[in-house]
Amino acid sequence: MFSEGSPHGAFKRLRQEEPVSWHQMPHLGPDEGFWLVTKHKDICEVARQSKIFFSHGGSVLADSVAIDHPAWKMIRDGLCHLDGTKHSELRKLVTPPFGADAILKLKEVIRRRATEVLNYAQETGRFDFVRHIAIQFPVQVVYADVLGFSQEDLQTAAYWGDLFNRVHAIPNGDREYAQVMVASGLALAKLHQYGVEAYQSRRAAQRNDVLSYLANLAYDDGTQISLEDFLSYFWSLSIGAYDTTASTIAGGFAALAACPDQQDELYANPGLIGQAVEEMLRWETPVIYFRRTAARDYVLHGRTIREGDRVVICFASGNRDDDVFDSPNVFNIKRAHNPHLSFGHGTHFCLGTRLARLELCTLLEEVIARQMRFELTGPVVRARSNFINRIIRMPVTLASDFVTMSFD
């Protein structure tokens, strides 16, 4: 169902008829299932109350696995799975390298990476937009320039990120389940070892990257950060580093190609870039949902959620809520009121928001400066995933001559 894009018709019906609805998961047992929350205000209510709806039970439908192994502990204690004091303390420590001043220093590096991928597009003429721009651009920025992965490791890191996001989306019994689970088990061991080696090497010789910053952090009492806490950061940053930005780039440019009037207006008025980026984020909604677990009984929109129940907050649905957005099913780069949920909400609001926005704005600036237009030459293919909303293939050709312009 999700391979054709988020099922917005079904979400709309649920928002209208049953905004908080129960869905069974019969493969787990007759009483197993989850609550699906589809209204914008209800999603925000759940996301704000981390003491009632916690993350440690898992951020996807599959429950966290209790396996006594360091690699599995790295996942279970990843920053996105932590709650309460532990989460707030670790998040506070890692905030500086993702703050406004630190991200601003990356502006020229990000512009250089955008120029590199667009130069390739200009030279080639026909290519896969996903592979050569939407993925290559954030992979270089995030893995190489921010985290400090070596160039020879970038494609492996991107493979790890893609693989683990596929694991989140594939239920037991799916035709790909066994193959992906075997591959992910092998990859997890390698990723864990890579994280351990990154911690050790950057403690021995600090570099100018975020992994060095993290490996040399000190707690409030002055003691050095533990390997376990470093791996908590490493897992979350490595797996969530590029995929959502890549999804927004691909989906956003697909939307522009499908709405030539919007594209013409944006190219004629680059002052709309900021609004266009927010609309791309709303429209594509790269993370379709996050799961929480109820710590106690709670009444939401007239439904009684019981302690221990799975609660799924559906950002893709909230971003099309017509109680919040005017004409939500229309792609509108001039949308003035756009409180989208694509970066989440509450205590787990995305740490890399500033970086993602700067990447998206810079890429658009460079595309518009060159007056580059992309025309589809084949079908847009989406992933079979109900978790990450992403395009995996988008063949394009450049549609017009280039006009080189300066962009300040």
Protein backbone atom coordinates (compact mmCIF):
# COMPACT_ATOMS: atom_id res chain seq x y z
CA MET A 1 0.00 0.00 0.00
CA PHE A 2 2.74 2.48 0.94
CA SER A 3 4.80 1.72 -2.16
CA GLU A 4 2.44 4.09 -3.98
CA GLY A 5 3.04 6.83 -1.40
CA SER A 6 1.31 7.53 1.90
CA PRO A 7 -2.40 6.50 1.71
CA HIS A 8 -3.77 9.99 2.29
CA GLY A 9 -7.32 9.00 1.36
CA ALA A 10 -7.41 6.44 4.17
CA PHE A 11 -5.82 8.89 6.61
CA LYS A 12 -8.44 11.52 5.75
CA ARG A 13 -11.26 9.08 6.41
CA LEU A 14 -9.74 8.16 9.77
CA ARG A 15 -9.33 11.83 10.74
CA GLN A 16 -13.00 12.39 9.96
CA GLU A 17 -14.51 9.18 11.37
CA GLU A 18 -12.12 7.74 13.98
CA PRO A 19 -9.13 10.00 14.72
CA VAL A 20 -7.76 7.56 17.32
CA SER A 21 -8.34 4.05 15.97
CA TRP A 22 -7.36 0.54 17.04
CA HIS A 23 -5.64 -1.76 14.54
CA GLN A 24 -4.93 -5.42 15.23
CA MET A 25 -1.60 -7.14 14.59
CA PRO A 26 -2.82 -10.76 14.32
CA HIS A 27 0.63 -12.19 13.65
CA LEU A 28 1.55 -11.22 17.24
CA GLY A 29 -1.60 -12.53 18.91
CA PRO A 30 -5.37 -11.99 19.09
CA ASP A 31 -5.17 -9.01 21.46
CA GLU A 32 -2.08 -7.38 20.00
CA GLY A 33 -2.29 -4.17 18.02
CA PHE A 34 -1.74 -0.43 18.11
CA TRP A 35 -3.60 2.86 18.37
CA LEU A 36 -3.21 5.03 15.28
CA VAL A 37 -3.37 8.78 15.99
CA THR A 38 -4.14 10.80 12.86
CA LYS A 39 -5.17 14.34 13.92
CA HIS A 40 -2.53 17.06 14.18
CA LYS A 41 -3.57 18.23 17.64
CA ASP A 42 -3.73 14.68 19.03
CA ILE A 43 -0.30 13.85 17.62
CA CYS A 44 1.11 16.93 19.35
CA GLU A 45 -0.63 15.97 22.60
CA VAL A 46 1.00 12.54 22.59
CA ALA A 47 4.43 13.86 21.53
CA ARG A 48 4.49 16.50 24.28
CA GLN A 49 3.83 14.03 27.09
CA SER A 50 6.94 11.88 27.15
CA LYS A 51 6.27 10.71 30.72
CA ILE A 52 2.96 9.19 29.64
CA PHE A 53 3.95 8.06 26.13
CA PHE A 54 7.54 6.84 26.24
CA SER A 55 10.02 5.90 23.49
CA HIS A 56 12.07 3.15 25.11
CA GLY A 57 9.58 0.47 24.06
CA GLY A 58 10.59 1.16 20.45
CA SER A 59 10.09 3.94 17.90
CA VAL A 60 8.59 1.57 15.30
CA LEU A 61 5.79 -1.00 15.47
CA ALA A 62 8.15 -3.85 16.30
CA ASP A 63 8.90 -4.00 20.03
CA SER A 64 12.45 -3.48 21.28
CA VAL A 65 14.30 -6.77 21.53
CA ALA A 66 15.88 -7.63 24.90
CA ILE A 67 19.13 -9.24 23.74
CA ASP A 68 22.18 -9.08 25.97
CA HIS A 69 24.68 -7.98 23.34
CA PRO A 70 26.51 -4.63 23.01
CA ALA A 71 25.34 -4.09 19.43
CA TRP A 72 21.67 -4.57 20.37
CA LYS A 73 22.15 -2.36 23.43
CA MET A 74 23.44 0.36 21.09
CA ILE A 75 20.10 0.29 19.28
CA ARG A 76 17.93 -0.01 22.39
CA ASP A 77 19.72 2.91 24.06
CA GLY A 78 19.95 5.09 20.96
CA LEU A 79 19.14 8.74 21.66
CA CYS A 80 15.77 8.47 19.88
CA HIS A 81 14.77 5.60 22.21
CA LEU A 82 15.63 7.33 25.50
CA ASP A 83 13.26 9.16 27.81
CA GLY A 84 13.26 11.40 30.84
CA THR A 85 16.43 12.65 32.52
CA LYS A 86 18.77 10.39 30.57
CA HIS A 87 17.42 11.68 27.26
CA SER A 88 17.50 15.34 28.28
CA GLU A 89 21.03 15.11 29.67
CA LEU A 90 22.47 13.41 26.58
CA ARG A 91 20.56 15.69 24.21
CA LYS A 92 21.90 18.75 26.04
CA LEU A 93 25.47 17.49 25.64
CA VAL A 94 25.15 16.97 21.90
CA THR A 95 23.27 20.19 21.10
CA PRO A 96 26.25 22.57 20.47
CA PRO A 97 27.51 21.02 17.20
CA PHE A 98 23.95 21.23 15.83
CA GLY A 99 23.26 24.76 17.10
CA ALA A 100 22.79 27.82 14.90
CA ASP A 101 26.40 29.06 15.07
CA ALA A 102 27.94 25.65 14.34
CA ILE A 103 25.63 24.95 11.40
CA LEU A 104 26.23 28.40 9.92
CA LYS A 105 29.95 27.58 9.71
CA LEU A 106 29.06 24.70 7.38
CA LYS A 107 27.34 26.95 4.86
CA GLU A 108 30.17 27.11 2.33
CA VAL A 109 31.00 23.42 2.71
CA ILE A 110 27.35 22.57 2.00
CA ARG A 111 27.33 24.89 -1.02
CA ARG A 112 30.44 23.18 -2.37
CA ARG A 113 28.78 19.77 -2.05
CA ALA A 114 25.67 21.07 -3.82
CA THR A 115 27.85 22.45 -6.61
CA GLU A 116 29.61 19.08 -7.01
CA VAL A 117 26.42 17.08 -7.53
CA LEU A 118 24.90 19.69 -9.83
CA ASN A 119 28.07 19.86 -11.91
CA TYR A 120 27.75 16.11 -12.41
CA ALA A 121 24.11 16.54 -13.42
CA GLN A 122 25.02 19.28 -15.88
CA GLU A 123 27.79 17.20 -17.44
CA THR A 124 25.69 14.03 -17.65
CA GLY A 125 22.31 15.33 -18.75
CA ARG A 126 20.40 12.10 -18.01
CA PHE A 127 20.67 10.38 -14.63
CA ASP A 128 18.83 8.99 -11.61
CA PHE A 129 17.94 12.03 -9.50
CA VAL A 130 17.75 9.92 -6.33
CA ARG A 131 21.14 8.28 -6.65
CA HIS A 132 23.15 11.19 -8.01
CA ILE A 133 21.60 14.18 -6.21
CA ALA A 134 19.06 13.34 -3.50
CA ILE A 135 21.30 10.73 -1.83
CA GLN A 136 24.80 11.79 -2.87
CA PHE A 137 24.41 15.38 -1.61
CA PRO A 138 23.37 14.68 2.03
CA VAL A 139 25.64 11.63 2.27
CA GLN A 140 28.64 13.84 1.52
CA VAL A 141 27.48 16.62 3.85
CA VAL A 142 26.42 14.53 6.83
CA TYR A 143 28.69 11.49 6.79
CA ALA A 144 31.86 13.12 5.43
CA ASP A 145 31.73 16.78 6.47
CA VAL A 146 29.75 16.59 9.73
CA LEU A 147 30.39 13.14 11.23
CA GLY A 148 33.83 12.65 9.72
CA PHE A 149 33.51 9.32 7.92
CA SER A 150 36.24 8.65 5.37
CA GLN A 151 35.31 8.86 1.67
CA GLU A 152 35.84 5.12 1.19
CA ASP A 153 33.27 4.39 3.93
CA LEU A 154 30.47 6.67 2.69
CA GLN A 155 28.61 4.20 0.51
CA THR A 156 28.80 1.52 3.20
CA ALA A 157 27.39 3.98 5.74
CA ALA A 158 24.55 4.90 3.37
CA TYR A 159 23.85 1.19 2.88
CA TRP A 160 23.66 0.70 6.66
CA GLY A 161 21.21 3.58 7.00
CA ASP A 162 19.03 2.27 4.20
CA LEU A 163 19.11 -1.30 5.50
CA PHE A 164 18.09 -0.52 9.06
CA ASN A 165 15.27 1.74 7.89
CA ARG A 166 14.02 -1.18 5.75
CA VAL A 167 14.13 -3.46 8.81
CA HIS A 168 11.80 -1.05 10.61
CA ALA A 169 9.25 -1.30 7.82
CA ILE A 170 9.15 -5.02 7.02
CA PRO A 171 6.88 -7.25 9.15
CA ASN A 172 7.50 -10.91 9.88
CA GLY A 173 6.02 -12.89 7.00
CA ASP A 174 6.82 -10.31 4.32
CA ARG A 175 8.60 -11.74 1.27
CA GLU A 176 11.74 -9.71 2.05
CA TYR A 177 11.77 -10.32 5.81
CA ALA A 178 14.23 -13.22 6.08
CA GLN A 179 16.71 -11.74 3.62
CA VAL A 180 16.71 -8.31 5.25
CA MET A 181 16.97 -9.71 8.78
CA VAL A 182 20.06 -11.78 7.91
CA ALA A 183 21.68 -8.80 6.17
CA SER A 184 20.86 -6.44 9.05
CA GLY A 185 22.34 -8.82 11.63
CA LEU A 186 25.65 -8.87 9.79
CA ALA A 187 25.57 -5.11 9.22
CA LEU A 188 24.76 -4.38 12.86
CA ALA A 189 27.92 -6.13 14.03
CA LYS A 190 30.00 -4.14 11.53
CA LEU A 191 28.32 -0.84 12.44
CA HIS A 192 28.91 -1.46 16.16
CA GLN A 193 32.58 -2.23 15.53
CA TYR A 194 32.88 0.91 13.40
CA GLY A 195 31.43 2.94 16.27
CA VAL A 196 33.84 1.41 18.80
CA GLU A 197 36.80 2.15 16.53
CA ALA A 198 35.57 5.72 15.94
CA TYR A 199 35.38 6.28 19.70
CA GLN A 200 38.88 4.91 20.27
CA SER A 201 40.54 6.70 17.35
CA ARG A 202 39.03 10.09 18.16
CA ARG A 203 39.90 9.77 21.83
CA ALA A 204 43.50 9.10 20.75
CA ALA A 205 43.64 11.91 18.17
CA GLN A 206 40.84 14.47 18.01
CA ARG A 207 39.70 15.66 14.58
CA ASN A 208 37.46 18.47 13.40
CA ASP A 209 34.22 16.48 13.22
CA VAL A 210 31.17 15.70 15.34
CA LEU A 211 32.32 12.19 16.24
CA SER A 212 35.48 13.71 17.76
CA TYR A 213 33.35 16.19 19.67
CA LEU A 214 31.19 13.37 21.02
CA ALA A 215 34.08 11.04 21.89
CA ASN A 216 35.74 13.77 23.96
CA LEU A 217 32.66 15.02 25.80
CA ALA A 218 32.66 15.28 29.57
CA TYR A 219 29.70 14.90 31.92
CA ASP A 220 28.84 17.60 34.45
CA ASP A 221 31.04 15.90 37.04
CA GLY A 222 34.04 16.09 34.73
CA THR A 223 34.28 12.41 33.83
CA GLN A 224 34.72 11.45 30.18
CA ILE A 225 31.78 10.14 28.18
CA SER A 226 31.41 6.36 28.28
CA LEU A 227 31.61 4.17 25.20
CA GLU A 228 27.96 3.18 25.75
CA ASP A 229 26.74 6.80 25.68
CA PHE A 230 28.93 7.57 22.67
CA LEU A 231 27.35 4.62 20.84
CA SER A 232 23.90 5.95 21.75
CA TYR A 233 24.73 9.10 19.78
CA PHE A 234 26.58 7.19 17.06
CA TRP A 235 23.64 4.89 16.32
CA SER A 236 21.06 7.68 16.11
CA LEU A 237 23.25 9.97 14.01
CA SER A 238 24.47 7.23 11.67
CA ILE A 239 21.05 5.77 10.94
CA GLY A 240 19.05 9.00 10.86
CA ALA A 241 21.76 11.08 9.25
CA TYR A 242 20.88 11.43 5.60
CA ASP A 243 17.79 9.39 4.66
CA THR A 244 15.11 11.90 5.65
CA THR A 245 16.87 14.78 3.88
CA ALA A 246 17.32 12.63 0.79
CA SER A 247 13.62 11.75 0.88
CA THR A 248 12.61 15.41 1.10
CA ILE A 249 14.91 16.39 -1.78
CA ALA A 250 13.57 13.66 -4.07
CA GLY A 251 9.93 14.14 -3.09
CA GLY A 252 10.19 17.92 -3.20
CA PHE A 253 11.64 18.02 -6.71
CA ALA A 254 9.12 15.42 -7.87
CA ALA A 255 6.39 17.74 -6.60
CA LEU A 256 7.90 20.70 -8.45
CA ALA A 257 8.08 18.65 -11.65
CA ALA A 258 4.40 17.75 -11.23
CA CYS A 259 3.45 21.41 -10.58
CA PRO A 260 5.15 23.47 -13.32
CA ASP A 261 3.29 26.64 -12.31
CA GLN A 262 4.76 26.38 -8.80
CA GLN A 263 8.21 25.71 -10.24
CA ASP A 264 7.98 28.75 -12.55
CA GLU A 265 6.99 30.98 -9.65
CA LEU A 266 9.80 29.71 -7.44
CA TYR A 267 12.44 30.10 -10.16
CA ALA A 268 11.22 33.63 -10.86
CA ASN A 269 11.22 34.55 -7.17
CA PRO A 270 14.04 32.91 -5.16
CA GLY A 271 12.77 34.79 -2.11
CA LEU A 272 10.22 31.96 -1.80
CA ILE A 273 12.91 29.31 -1.18
CA GLY A 274 12.36 29.21 2.59
CA GLN A 275 8.61 28.70 2.22
CA ALA A 276 9.15 26.18 -0.58
CA VAL A 277 11.43 24.08 1.65
CA GLU A 278 8.82 23.99 4.42
CA GLU A 279 6.18 22.94 1.90
CA MET A 280 8.43 20.20 0.55
CA LEU A 281 8.88 18.92 4.11
CA ARG A 282 5.13 18.97 4.76
CA TRP A 283 4.24 17.46 1.42
CA GLU A 284 6.70 14.58 1.51
CA THR A 285 6.77 13.95 5.31
CA PRO A 286 9.89 11.74 5.20
CA VAL A 287 9.16 9.95 8.50
CA ILE A 288 5.60 8.64 8.21
CA TYR A 289 5.16 7.78 11.89
CA PHE A 290 6.81 7.21 15.24
CA ARG A 291 5.59 4.75 17.82
CA ARG A 292 5.25 5.40 21.56
CA THR A 293 4.17 3.12 24.43
CA ALA A 294 1.64 4.15 27.09
CA ALA A 295 3.07 4.26 30.62
CA ARG A 296 -0.45 4.42 32.12
CA ASP A 297 -4.08 4.55 31.09
CA TYR A 298 -4.94 7.70 29.17
CA VAL A 299 -8.02 9.05 27.39
CA LEU A 300 -7.27 10.58 23.98
CA HIS A 301 -10.03 11.92 21.76
CA GLY A 302 -12.58 9.84 23.69
CA ARG A 303 -10.68 6.56 23.40
CA THR A 304 -9.15 4.85 26.43
CA ILE A 305 -5.54 3.84 25.82
CA ARG A 306 -4.36 1.24 28.31
CA GLU A 307 -0.98 0.99 30.01
CA GLY A 308 1.43 -0.88 27.75
CA ASP A 309 -0.48 -0.17 24.53
CA ARG A 310 1.41 0.78 21.39
CA VAL A 311 0.55 4.29 20.19
CA VAL A 312 1.47 5.35 16.64
CA ILE A 313 1.56 9.08 15.91
CA CYS A 314 1.20 9.50 12.16
CA PHE A 315 3.02 12.63 10.99
CA ALA A 316 2.01 12.02 7.36
CA SER A 317 -1.64 12.26 8.36
CA GLY A 318 -1.15 15.25 10.66
CA ASN A 319 0.51 17.15 7.82
CA ARG A 320 -2.66 16.86 5.70
CA ASP A 321 -5.11 17.82 8.48
CA ASP A 322 -7.55 20.36 7.03
CA ASP A 323 -8.26 21.71 10.51
CA VAL A 324 -4.70 23.06 10.44
CA PHE A 325 -3.75 23.53 6.77
CA ASP A 326 -5.72 25.31 4.06
CA SER A 327 -6.18 23.03 1.03
CA PRO A 328 -3.76 20.45 2.49
CA ASN A 329 -3.74 18.28 -0.65
CA VAL A 330 -2.45 21.15 -2.77
CA PHE A 331 1.32 21.67 -3.08
CA ASN A 332 1.74 25.40 -2.42
CA ILE A 333 5.20 26.97 -2.15
CA LYS A 334 3.64 30.22 -0.89
CA ARG A 335 1.91 28.57 2.07
CA ALA A 336 2.18 31.08 4.91
CA HIS A 337 0.85 28.98 7.82
CA ASN A 338 2.77 25.72 7.84
CA PRO A 339 3.18 24.12 11.30
CA HIS A 340 4.14 20.77 9.79
CA LEU A 341 5.28 17.81 11.88
CA SER A 342 8.04 16.55 9.61
CA PHE A 343 10.70 17.16 12.27
CA GLY A 344 8.50 15.65 14.97
CA HIS A 345 7.23 17.47 18.04
CA GLY A 346 8.04 17.66 21.73
CA THR A 347 11.17 16.38 23.47
CA HIS A 348 12.23 14.27 20.48
CA PHE A 349 12.06 17.15 18.00
CA CYS A 350 14.73 16.44 15.36
CA LEU A 351 18.22 17.44 16.46
CA GLY A 352 19.38 18.01 12.88
CA THR A 353 16.61 20.43 11.89
CA ARG A 354 18.92 23.40 11.18
CA LEU A 355 21.30 21.27 9.15
CA ALA A 356 18.51 19.74 7.07
CA ARG A 357 16.94 23.14 6.34
CA LEU A 358 20.30 24.61 5.33
CA GLU A 359 21.00 21.67 3.02
CA LEU A 360 17.60 21.98 1.36
CA CYS A 361 17.77 25.76 0.98
CA THR A 362 21.32 25.69 -0.39
CA LEU A 363 20.53 23.02 -2.96
CA LEU A 364 17.49 24.98 -4.14
CA GLU A 365 19.53 28.18 -4.34
CA GLU A 366 22.12 26.52 -6.57
CA VAL A 367 19.51 24.86 -8.79
CA ILE A 368 17.66 28.14 -9.28
CA ALA A 369 20.88 30.06 -9.86
CA ARG A 370 21.61 27.72 -12.77
CA GLN A 371 17.96 27.64 -13.86
CA MET A 372 18.16 23.84 -13.89
CA ARG A 373 14.89 22.05 -14.57
CA PHE A 374 14.46 18.31 -14.33
CA GLU A 375 12.01 16.35 -16.46
CA LEU A 376 10.98 12.80 -15.59
CA THR A 377 11.96 10.21 -18.16
CA GLY A 378 10.45 7.21 -16.41
CA PRO A 379 8.25 6.19 -13.47
CA VAL A 380 8.99 7.38 -9.94
CA VAL A 381 9.55 4.26 -7.80
CA ARG A 382 8.96 4.38 -4.04
CA ALA A 383 10.23 2.08 -1.32
CA ARG A 384 8.00 -0.60 0.17
CA SER A 385 7.99 1.10 3.56
CA ASN A 386 5.35 2.36 5.96
CA PHE A 387 8.05 4.08 8.05
CA ILE A 388 10.31 6.13 5.77
CA ASN A 389 8.50 7.80 2.88
CA ARG A 390 11.16 7.73 0.21
CA ILE A 391 11.64 7.55 -3.52
CA ILE A 392 14.26 5.00 -4.56
CA ARG A 393 14.39 5.69 -8.32
CA MET A 394 13.58 8.82 -10.31
CA PRO A 395 15.09 8.96 -13.82
CA VAL A 396 15.35 12.51 -15.16
CA THR A 397 16.86 14.61 -17.88
CA LEU A 398 17.80 18.28 -17.82
CA ALA A 399 15.03 20.14 -19.55
CA SER A 400 16.58 23.45 -20.57
CA ASP A 401 19.80 25.32 -21.30
CA PHE A 402 21.71 26.64 -18.31
CA VAL A 403 21.79 30.28 -17.37
CA THR A 404 24.61 30.88 -14.91
CA MET A 405 23.72 33.52 -12.31
CA SER A 406 25.38 34.69 -9.12
CA PHE A 407 23.44 34.00 -5.93
CA ASP A 408 24.17 35.95 -2.77
